[in-house]
Amino acid sequence: MTSPLLHSLTIALGERSYPIQIGCGLLADAASFVDLPSASAALIVSNSTVAPLYAQALRAALQQHYAQVHSVVLPDGEAYKDWQTLNLIFDALLQNSCDRKTVLFALGGGVVGDMTGFAAASYMRGVPFVQIPTTLLAQVDSSVGGKTGINHPLGKNMVGAFYQPQRVLCDLDTLQTLPAREVSAGLAEVIKYGPIADMAFLDWIETHIDALVARDVHALAHAVRRSCEIKAQVVSQDEREGGLRAILNFGHTFGHAIEAGLGYGDWLHGEAVGCGMVMAAHLSQALGLVDEAFVLRLTRLIAAAGLPVRGPVLDATDNAGRYLALMRVDKKAEAGAIRFVLIDGPGRACMRGADDALVCAVIARCCAA
């Protein structure tokens, strides 16, 4: 019996197109994995938190399609999104004599998805992989669009590749086992789609924020679907972030600086992005792009999602200088000049620079005393 598939949409990228399937009980259903590239072997990549919950059910489903189903369990956390942990995936592939048809299955959150995708892009110069995101953040953002990679001590996601999955399977049941803090982190990436592309969606999020925090499955299903629809539209037009796709990084320039400055894993990615959106909104206001009412509205919603709205102090002697130094390593920077994703009126985003003095004033205003 087929599991309930609530929504299905497509990332339209020509021969690299693939479906996003949203529903309940999908990962344990063998029918979810039909029509994938044929292979004799599969490798499940998960982490020490997710594997005990879902790896056995996934393995049972995959064994109906693959003669051999191998697995590798990575340590959990952003702090392990590095070369050493990435090599554990390559070790598993080589030790099991996996060939170039082997299909990798990323079972976990954004870290697992990014690393599995990067391994798939690199192993034998490219093997197929499937995203099975188990966090809200991964379902609405990181599993969709083909960005893969690892962190470097000097910058987040600075080493990686664009490599599209064969399929994204969003099983909403997995969100019920998330810690509350992880749900809030995922809501940051849901909220961002409103200011940059769809104010009606922002209205809906405001109305349903309590239901989302409480993990109401119908609210989650709509949030995941609409978020994926918006991201699909953007990625289909700009797969490799030549211009338009950069708007999906609203809040991320400040957010990545927070993550790198504190040490990866101190704040969750979504927590840093939520706070980063507040800072980016303040910078948008300082440049005359939005009014104070918009900044207050967005700040209240981010706080209602359980996210921090005050930035941490990264350097007690020169906090703004530390933020600026970290943001100059951001992938959007050009010739050392920081480029921000800002709100150019509600529902519209733009990319532009800003005077260092103005950015420093925003940092001073937005960071904790």
Protein backbone atom coordinates (compact mmCIF):
# COMPACT_ATOMS: atom_id res chain seq x y z
CA MET A 1 0.00 0.00 0.00
CA THR A 2 1.43 3.36 -1.02
CA SER A 3 2.20 5.84 1.75
CA PRO A 4 0.28 9.13 1.65
CA LEU A 5 2.07 11.48 -0.73
CA LEU A 6 0.68 14.91 0.12
CA HIS A 7 2.56 17.04 -2.42
CA SER A 8 4.93 16.56 -5.33
CA LEU A 9 6.76 19.20 -7.34
CA THR A 10 9.69 19.32 -9.72
CA ILE A 11 12.99 21.16 -9.88
CA ALA A 12 13.10 21.92 -13.62
CA LEU A 13 16.72 21.70 -14.77
CA GLY A 14 16.46 19.89 -18.08
CA GLU A 15 18.17 16.51 -17.92
CA ARG A 16 19.04 17.19 -14.25
CA SER A 17 15.39 17.70 -13.25
CA TYR A 18 14.11 15.78 -10.25
CA PRO A 19 11.03 15.50 -8.04
CA ILE A 20 10.50 16.69 -4.48
CA GLN A 21 8.03 14.42 -2.70
CA ILE A 22 6.35 15.53 0.54
CA GLY A 23 4.30 13.19 2.72
CA CYS A 24 4.18 10.91 5.75
CA GLY A 25 5.81 7.50 6.10
CA LEU A 26 7.71 7.89 2.82
CA LEU A 27 11.16 6.69 3.85
CA ALA A 28 9.91 3.29 5.01
CA ASP A 29 7.92 2.68 1.82
CA ALA A 30 9.72 0.78 -0.96
CA ALA A 31 7.44 2.49 -3.49
CA SER A 32 9.20 5.79 -2.72
CA PHE A 33 12.36 4.50 -4.42
CA VAL A 34 11.09 3.21 -7.75
CA ASP A 35 12.55 4.63 -10.98
CA LEU A 36 15.91 5.55 -9.45
CA PRO A 37 19.10 4.68 -11.36
CA SER A 38 19.62 0.91 -11.31
CA ALA A 39 22.53 -0.37 -9.24
CA SER A 40 23.58 -3.42 -7.28
CA ALA A 41 24.50 -1.43 -4.17
CA ALA A 42 23.32 1.51 -2.10
CA LEU A 43 25.00 3.39 0.74
CA ILE A 44 23.00 5.03 3.52
CA VAL A 45 24.85 8.01 5.01
CA SER A 46 23.43 9.15 8.34
CA ASN A 47 24.60 10.41 11.71
CA SER A 48 24.69 9.12 15.26
CA THR A 49 21.40 10.85 16.16
CA VAL A 50 19.26 10.01 13.14
CA ALA A 51 20.53 6.51 12.28
CA PRO A 52 19.10 4.81 15.40
CA LEU A 53 15.68 6.30 14.60
CA TYR A 54 15.29 5.71 10.88
CA ALA A 55 18.17 3.79 9.27
CA GLN A 56 16.66 0.34 9.83
CA ALA A 57 13.34 1.29 8.22
CA LEU A 58 15.13 2.87 5.26
CA ARG A 59 17.37 -0.16 4.87
CA ALA A 60 14.35 -2.49 4.76
CA ALA A 61 12.76 -0.37 2.03
CA LEU A 62 15.96 -0.18 -0.02
CA GLN A 63 16.63 -3.92 0.21
CA GLN A 64 13.69 -4.41 -2.12
CA HIS A 65 15.63 -2.52 -4.80
CA TYR A 66 19.33 -3.18 -4.11
CA ALA A 67 21.18 -6.46 -3.54
CA GLN A 68 23.53 -4.77 -1.08
CA VAL A 69 22.70 -1.90 1.27
CA HIS A 70 25.73 -0.53 3.12
CA SER A 71 25.74 2.23 5.71
CA VAL A 72 28.05 4.72 7.37
CA VAL A 73 27.21 6.70 10.52
CA LEU A 74 28.86 10.10 10.94
CA PRO A 75 29.25 12.08 14.16
CA ASP A 76 26.42 14.58 14.57
CA GLY A 77 26.87 18.33 14.37
CA GLU A 78 28.08 21.25 12.27
CA ALA A 79 31.50 20.94 13.91
CA TYR A 80 32.02 17.69 11.96
CA LYS A 81 31.24 19.11 8.53
CA ASP A 82 34.90 18.83 7.53
CA TRP A 83 37.42 16.86 5.47
CA GLN A 84 38.02 14.26 8.17
CA THR A 85 34.34 13.34 8.42
CA LEU A 86 33.87 13.49 4.65
CA ASN A 87 36.58 10.85 4.32
CA LEU A 88 34.47 8.45 6.39
CA ILE A 89 32.03 8.35 3.46
CA PHE A 90 34.82 7.68 0.97
CA ASP A 91 36.21 5.00 3.30
CA ALA A 92 32.84 3.23 3.34
CA LEU A 93 32.53 3.40 -0.45
CA LEU A 94 36.01 2.03 -1.07
CA GLN A 95 35.94 -0.61 1.65
CA ASN A 96 32.72 -2.00 0.15
CA SER A 97 34.10 -1.88 -3.42
CA CYS A 98 31.31 0.45 -4.50
CA ASP A 99 31.27 1.26 -8.20
CA ARG A 100 30.14 4.35 -10.09
CA LYS A 101 26.52 3.18 -10.20
CA THR A 102 26.21 2.95 -6.42
CA VAL A 103 23.44 5.22 -5.13
CA LEU A 104 24.04 7.25 -1.96
CA PHE A 105 21.12 8.08 0.34
CA ALA A 106 21.53 11.10 2.63
CA LEU A 107 19.47 10.39 5.75
CA GLY A 108 19.72 13.36 8.09
CA GLY A 109 19.78 17.11 8.30
CA GLY A 110 21.65 19.72 6.31
CA VAL A 111 25.12 18.59 7.35
CA VAL A 112 24.51 15.00 6.25
CA GLY A 113 22.86 16.16 3.03
CA ASP A 114 25.64 18.60 2.10
CA MET A 115 28.39 16.10 2.83
CA THR A 116 26.69 13.17 1.09
CA GLY A 117 26.09 15.30 -1.97
CA PHE A 118 29.72 16.43 -2.03
CA ALA A 119 30.90 12.83 -1.66
CA ALA A 120 28.56 11.77 -4.48
CA ALA A 121 29.87 14.57 -6.71
CA SER A 122 33.46 13.52 -6.02
CA TYR A 123 33.48 9.72 -5.81
CA MET A 124 34.59 8.34 -9.18
CA ARG A 125 33.81 11.86 -10.44
CA GLY A 126 30.12 11.49 -9.80
CA VAL A 127 27.63 8.89 -8.55
CA PRO A 128 23.87 9.33 -8.03
CA PHE A 129 22.44 10.34 -4.67
CA VAL A 130 19.06 10.87 -3.03
CA GLN A 131 18.20 13.40 -0.33
CA ILE A 132 16.06 12.18 2.60
CA PRO A 133 16.10 15.28 4.85
CA THR A 134 14.98 14.66 8.44
CA THR A 135 15.05 18.25 9.74
CA LEU A 136 12.71 21.10 8.85
CA LEU A 137 15.65 23.25 7.77
CA ALA A 138 16.88 20.59 5.36
CA GLN A 139 13.40 19.90 3.97
CA VAL A 140 12.69 23.55 3.14
CA ASP A 141 16.17 24.61 2.06
CA SER A 142 19.44 22.71 2.08
CA SER A 143 18.23 19.46 0.47
CA VAL A 144 16.84 21.32 -2.55
CA GLY A 145 18.95 22.89 -5.27
CA GLY A 146 22.16 20.89 -5.43
CA LYS A 147 24.48 22.89 -3.21
CA THR A 148 26.92 20.51 -1.54
CA GLY A 149 30.04 21.05 0.51
CA ILE A 150 31.94 21.24 3.75
CA ASN A 151 33.11 24.04 6.02
CA HIS A 152 36.60 25.48 6.32
CA PRO A 153 37.76 27.02 9.63
CA LEU A 154 37.84 30.41 7.88
CA GLY A 155 34.46 30.19 6.16
CA LYS A 156 31.23 28.21 5.95
CA ASN A 157 30.55 26.03 2.88
CA MET A 158 33.64 27.34 1.13
CA VAL A 159 34.62 23.94 -0.33
CA GLY A 160 32.01 22.12 -2.38
CA ALA A 161 30.22 21.60 -5.68
CA PHE A 162 26.89 22.12 -7.40
CA TYR A 163 25.52 18.58 -7.80
CA GLN A 164 21.85 17.74 -8.09
CA PRO A 165 20.20 14.77 -6.37
CA GLN A 166 18.01 12.23 -8.17
CA ARG A 167 15.14 12.86 -5.76
CA VAL A 168 14.25 14.68 -2.54
CA LEU A 169 12.01 12.77 -0.15
CA CYS A 170 10.54 14.93 2.64
CA ASP A 171 9.01 12.58 5.21
CA LEU A 172 7.08 14.81 7.61
CA ASP A 173 6.99 12.07 10.25
CA THR A 174 10.70 12.65 10.92
CA LEU A 175 9.96 16.19 12.13
CA GLN A 176 8.09 14.82 15.14
CA THR A 177 11.34 13.54 16.69
CA LEU A 178 13.21 16.84 16.32
CA PRO A 179 14.23 18.82 19.41
CA ALA A 180 12.25 22.05 19.69
CA ARG A 181 15.39 24.06 19.03
CA GLU A 182 15.82 22.31 15.64
CA VAL A 183 12.22 23.09 14.70
CA SER A 184 12.85 26.77 15.43
CA ALA A 185 16.04 26.67 13.38
CA GLY A 186 14.10 25.28 10.43
CA LEU A 187 11.47 27.99 10.74
CA ALA A 188 14.16 30.60 10.04
CA GLU A 189 14.54 29.22 6.52
CA VAL A 190 10.75 29.09 6.11
CA ILE A 191 10.36 32.72 7.22
CA LYS A 192 13.02 34.00 4.81
CA TYR A 193 10.93 33.11 1.75
CA GLY A 194 8.28 35.71 2.66
CA PRO A 195 10.37 38.91 2.66
CA ILE A 196 12.32 37.91 -0.45
CA ALA A 197 9.52 36.55 -2.64
CA ASP A 198 6.00 36.16 -1.23
CA MET A 199 4.44 38.46 1.35
CA ALA A 200 1.22 36.43 1.27
CA PHE A 201 3.27 33.49 2.52
CA LEU A 202 4.68 35.71 5.27
CA ASP A 203 1.12 36.60 6.26
CA TRP A 204 0.30 32.87 6.39
CA ILE A 205 3.38 32.13 8.54
CA GLU A 206 2.41 34.86 11.02
CA THR A 207 -1.10 33.40 11.31
CA HIS A 208 0.17 29.82 11.71
CA ILE A 209 3.41 30.32 13.67
CA ASP A 210 2.01 28.64 16.80
CA ALA A 211 0.84 25.64 14.77
CA LEU A 212 4.26 25.39 13.11
CA VAL A 213 6.08 25.52 16.44
CA ALA A 214 3.67 22.85 17.72
CA ARG A 215 4.46 20.71 14.62
CA ASP A 216 0.93 20.49 13.27
CA VAL A 217 1.36 18.20 10.26
CA HIS A 218 -0.97 20.17 7.97
CA ALA A 219 0.81 23.43 8.74
CA LEU A 220 4.19 21.78 8.22
CA ALA A 221 3.07 20.23 4.92
CA HIS A 222 2.04 23.64 3.57
CA ALA A 223 5.20 25.34 4.84
CA VAL A 224 7.46 22.72 3.27
CA ARG A 225 5.54 22.74 -0.02
CA ARG A 226 5.47 26.54 -0.44
CA SER A 227 9.11 26.90 0.61
CA CYS A 228 10.16 24.27 -1.92
CA GLU A 229 8.00 25.88 -4.63
CA ILE A 230 9.73 29.23 -4.16
CA LYS A 231 13.18 27.68 -4.06
CA ALA A 232 12.37 25.55 -7.13
CA GLN A 233 11.36 28.65 -9.09
CA VAL A 234 14.60 30.41 -8.18
CA VAL A 235 16.93 27.44 -8.73
CA SER A 236 15.31 26.60 -12.08
CA GLN A 237 16.27 30.09 -13.28
CA ASP A 238 19.73 30.25 -11.71
CA GLU A 239 21.15 26.82 -10.85
CA ARG A 240 24.70 27.96 -10.09
CA GLU A 241 24.00 31.22 -8.28
CA GLY A 242 25.02 33.56 -11.07
CA GLY A 243 22.65 36.22 -9.78
CA LEU A 244 19.03 35.59 -8.80
CA ARG A 245 19.71 32.55 -6.60
CA ALA A 246 21.74 34.68 -4.22
CA ILE A 247 18.50 36.15 -2.84
CA LEU A 248 18.00 32.81 -1.03
CA ASN A 249 20.88 33.88 1.18
CA PHE A 250 18.88 36.59 2.96
CA GLY A 251 20.29 36.76 6.48
CA HIS A 252 23.13 34.38 5.65
CA THR A 253 25.98 36.90 5.32
CA PHE A 254 25.58 38.02 8.93
CA GLY A 255 24.54 34.47 9.92
CA HIS A 256 27.61 32.77 8.50
CA ALA A 257 29.81 35.30 10.31
CA ILE A 258 28.07 34.39 13.58
CA GLU A 259 28.60 30.67 12.97
CA ALA A 260 32.27 31.02 12.04
CA GLY A 261 32.97 33.58 14.77
CA LEU A 262 31.48 31.46 17.56
CA GLY A 263 32.83 28.17 16.26
CA TYR A 264 30.57 25.91 14.22
CA GLY A 265 27.90 24.25 16.34
CA ASP A 266 27.57 26.84 19.12
CA TRP A 267 24.55 28.37 17.38
CA LEU A 268 22.52 26.24 14.98
CA HIS A 269 22.60 27.42 11.36
CA GLY A 270 18.93 28.46 11.48
CA GLU A 271 19.48 30.41 14.70
CA ALA A 272 22.31 32.35 13.06
CA VAL A 273 20.22 32.95 9.94
CA GLY A 274 17.24 34.14 11.98
CA CYS A 275 19.39 36.69 13.78
CA GLY A 276 21.12 37.51 10.49
CA MET A 277 17.76 38.36 8.92
CA VAL A 278 17.09 40.87 11.70
CA MET A 279 20.48 42.45 11.08
CA ALA A 280 19.95 42.49 7.31
CA ALA A 281 16.52 44.07 7.81
CA HIS A 282 18.10 46.81 9.93
CA LEU A 283 20.68 47.41 7.19
CA SER A 284 17.87 47.56 4.61
CA GLN A 285 16.17 50.21 6.75
CA ALA A 286 19.39 52.16 7.16
CA LEU A 287 19.69 52.28 3.35
CA GLY A 288 16.10 53.51 3.03
CA LEU A 289 14.77 50.33 1.41
CA VAL A 290 12.18 49.41 4.07
CA ASP A 291 10.58 51.21 6.98
CA GLU A 292 10.85 50.60 10.71
CA ALA A 293 7.44 48.89 10.81
CA PHE A 294 8.69 46.17 8.46
CA VAL A 295 11.81 45.59 10.57
CA LEU A 296 9.72 45.32 13.74
CA ARG A 297 7.25 42.95 12.06
CA LEU A 298 10.01 40.61 10.89
CA THR A 299 11.79 40.77 14.25
CA ARG A 300 8.62 39.86 16.15
CA LEU A 301 7.98 36.87 13.86
CA ILE A 302 11.53 35.59 14.22
CA ALA A 303 11.27 35.89 17.99
CA ALA A 304 7.87 34.10 17.94
CA ALA A 305 9.58 31.23 16.12
CA GLY A 306 11.89 30.83 19.12
CA LEU A 307 14.93 32.31 17.42
CA PRO A 308 17.49 34.82 18.73
CA VAL A 309 17.10 38.39 17.51
CA ARG A 310 20.26 39.85 19.08
CA GLY A 311 23.64 39.01 17.63
CA PRO A 312 26.46 37.66 19.79
CA VAL A 313 29.61 39.63 20.56
CA LEU A 314 32.39 37.94 18.60
CA ASP A 315 35.21 40.17 19.83
CA ALA A 316 35.04 42.21 23.03
CA THR A 317 37.52 44.79 21.74
CA ASP A 318 36.41 45.16 18.10
CA ASN A 319 33.14 43.35 17.52
CA ALA A 320 32.20 45.13 14.31
CA GLY A 321 35.70 44.62 12.93
CA ARG A 322 35.46 40.89 13.59
CA TYR A 323 32.08 40.67 11.83
CA LEU A 324 33.43 42.58 8.83
CA ALA A 325 36.51 40.37 8.55
CA LEU A 326 34.40 37.21 8.60
CA MET A 327 31.86 38.58 6.11
CA ARG A 328 34.62 39.43 3.64
CA VAL A 329 35.22 35.65 3.33
CA ASP A 330 31.56 35.13 2.36
CA LYS A 331 31.05 33.54 -1.09
CA LYS A 332 29.10 36.59 -2.28
CA ALA A 333 32.00 38.96 -1.55
CA GLU A 334 33.76 40.36 -4.60
CA ALA A 335 37.31 41.75 -4.45
CA GLY A 336 37.02 41.98 -0.67
CA ALA A 337 33.80 43.99 -0.87
CA ILE A 338 30.88 42.54 1.11
CA ARG A 339 27.63 42.13 -0.82
CA PHE A 340 24.43 41.75 1.18
CA VAL A 341 21.04 40.31 0.34
CA LEU A 342 18.69 43.10 1.40
CA ILE A 343 14.95 43.70 1.28
CA ASP A 344 14.15 46.19 -1.47
CA GLY A 345 10.57 46.66 -0.31
CA PRO A 346 8.40 43.87 1.14
CA GLY A 347 8.48 40.75 -1.03
CA ARG A 348 11.51 41.86 -3.08
CA ALA A 349 15.19 41.21 -2.49
CA CYS A 350 18.29 42.78 -3.97
CA MET A 351 22.05 42.38 -3.80
CA ARG A 352 24.14 45.39 -2.94
CA GLY A 353 27.05 46.65 -0.93
CA ALA A 354 27.02 49.07 1.97
CA ASP A 355 29.49 51.48 3.51
CA ASP A 356 31.52 49.85 6.30
CA ALA A 357 30.56 52.59 8.73
CA LEU A 358 26.87 51.94 8.14
CA VAL A 359 27.34 48.19 8.56
CA CYS A 360 29.28 48.79 11.79
CA ALA A 361 26.44 50.95 13.11
CA VAL A 362 23.94 48.15 12.38
CA ILE A 363 26.16 45.60 14.12
CA ALA A 364 26.44 47.87 17.17
CA ARG A 365 22.66 48.30 17.24
CA CYS A 366 21.84 44.63 16.78
CA CYS A 367 24.40 42.86 18.98
CA ALA A 368 24.00 41.95 22.62
CA ALA A 369 25.66 44.26 25.13
